Amino acid sequence: MPLTGKEMFRLAIKSGWREVRVNGSHHIMMKEGYEPVSIPVHSNKDLKNGMEQKLLRGLGLK
């Protein structure tokens, strides 16, 4: 089942990421030792499969 942007954001927070700023509907997350990750939070829309996989890799969860 695909994740929404809100669910991905909560998953990142639980994994130790912190929100540094919001640019429109994109939440910019940072964590020591990783590149910044931009999570699109567009209401309750599901993320496309490729975007979901890219974000999970960027967050170090896959």
C-alpha atoms as a PDB file:
ATOM      1  CA  MET A   1       0.000   0.000   0.000  1.00  0.00           C
ATOM      2  CA  PRO A   2       1.551   3.334  -1.027  1.00  0.00           C
ATOM      3  CA  LEU A   3       2.463   5.883   1.610  1.00  0.00           C
ATOM      4  CA  THR A   4       1.210   9.448   1.604  1.00  0.00           C
ATOM      5  CA  GLY A   5       3.543  12.411   2.041  1.00  0.00           C
ATOM      6  CA  LYS A   6       2.259  12.887   5.610  1.00  0.00           C
ATOM      7  CA  GLU A   7       3.043   9.262   6.486  1.00  0.00           C
ATOM      8  CA  MET A   8       6.529   9.562   4.975  1.00  0.00           C
ATOM      9  CA  PHE A   9       7.094  12.759   6.997  1.00  0.00           C
ATOM     10  CA  ARG A  10       6.094  10.993  10.248  1.00  0.00           C
ATOM     11  CA  LEU A  11       8.339   8.040   9.374  1.00  0.00           C
ATOM     12  CA  ALA A  12      11.289  10.411   8.857  1.00  0.00           C
ATOM     13  CA  ILE A  13      10.683  12.125  12.228  1.00  0.00           C
ATOM     14  CA  LYS A  14      10.581   8.738  14.001  1.00  0.00           C
ATOM     15  CA  SER A  15      13.888   7.834  12.310  1.00  0.00           C
ATOM     16  CA  GLY A  16      15.693  10.844  13.760  1.00  0.00           C
ATOM     17  CA  TRP A  17      15.325  13.326  10.907  1.00  0.00           C
ATOM     18  CA  ARG A  18      14.462  16.942  11.679  1.00  0.00           C
ATOM     19  CA  GLU A  19      12.545  19.459   9.639  1.00  0.00           C
ATOM     20  CA  VAL A  20      14.681  22.496   8.821  1.00  0.00           C
ATOM     21  CA  ARG A  21      12.260  24.422   6.607  1.00  0.00           C
ATOM     22  CA  VAL A  22       9.137  24.223   4.483  1.00  0.00           C
ATOM     23  CA  ASN A  23       9.118  25.486   0.910  1.00  0.00           C
ATOM     24  CA  GLY A  24       5.483  25.452  -0.225  1.00  0.00           C
ATOM     25  CA  SER A  25       4.290  21.884   0.246  1.00  0.00           C
ATOM     26  CA  HIS A  26       7.811  20.398   0.394  1.00  0.00           C
ATOM     27  CA  HIS A  27       9.282  19.683   3.824  1.00  0.00           C
ATOM     28  CA  ILE A  28      13.083  19.768   3.835  1.00  0.00           C
ATOM     29  CA  MET A  29      14.522  17.215   6.258  1.00  0.00           C
ATOM     30  CA  MET A  30      18.096  16.915   7.523  1.00  0.00           C
ATOM     31  CA  LYS A  31      20.072  14.355   9.522  1.00  0.00           C
ATOM     32  CA  GLU A  32      23.769  14.196  10.368  1.00  0.00           C
ATOM     33  CA  GLY A  33      25.680  12.162   7.764  1.00  0.00           C
ATOM     34  CA  TYR A  34      22.947  12.309   5.091  1.00  0.00           C
ATOM     35  CA  GLU A  35      22.057  14.607   2.220  1.00  0.00           C
ATOM     36  CA  PRO A  36      18.964  16.784   2.775  1.00  0.00           C
ATOM     37  CA  VAL A  37      15.703  15.161   1.645  1.00  0.00           C
ATOM     38  CA  SER A  38      12.638  16.997   0.338  1.00  0.00           C
ATOM     39  CA  ILE A  39       9.334  15.290   1.162  1.00  0.00           C
ATOM     40  CA  PRO A  40       6.309  16.462  -0.864  1.00  0.00           C
ATOM     41  CA  VAL A  41       3.237  16.659   1.390  1.00  0.00           C
ATOM     42  CA  HIS A  42       0.250  17.179  -0.895  1.00  0.00           C
ATOM     43  CA  SER A  43      -2.765  16.620   1.355  1.00  0.00           C
ATOM     44  CA  ASN A  44      -3.527  12.896   1.553  1.00  0.00           C
ATOM     45  CA  LYS A  45      -2.384  11.948  -1.942  1.00  0.00           C
ATOM     46  CA  ASP A  46      -0.358   8.767  -2.261  1.00  0.00           C
ATOM     47  CA  LEU A  47       3.242   9.081  -3.387  1.00  0.00           C
ATOM     48  CA  LYS A  48       4.042   7.473  -6.726  1.00  0.00           C
ATOM     49  CA  ASN A  49       6.005   4.237  -6.388  1.00  0.00           C
ATOM     50  CA  GLY A  50       9.274   5.666  -7.768  1.00  0.00           C
ATOM     51  CA  MET A  51       9.129   8.723  -5.489  1.00  0.00           C
ATOM     52  CA  GLU A  52       8.360   6.558  -2.467  1.00  0.00           C
ATOM     53  CA  GLN A  53      11.353   4.305  -3.170  1.00  0.00           C
ATOM     54  CA  LYS A  54      13.656   7.309  -3.767  1.00  0.00           C
ATOM     55  CA  LEU A  55      12.607   8.885  -0.463  1.00  0.00           C
ATOM     56  CA  LEU A  56      13.055   5.642   1.474  1.00  0.00           C
ATOM     57  CA  ARG A  57      16.587   5.279   0.061  1.00  0.00           C
ATOM     58  CA  GLY A  58      17.369   8.937   0.781  1.00  0.00           C
ATOM     59  CA  LEU A  59      16.171   8.558   4.379  1.00  0.00           C
ATOM     60  CA  GLY A  60      18.306   5.416   4.783  1.00  0.00           C
ATOM     61  CA  LEU A  61      15.266   3.218   5.423  1.00  0.00           C
ATOM     62  CA  LYS A  62      15.798   0.897   2.481  1.00  0.00           C
END
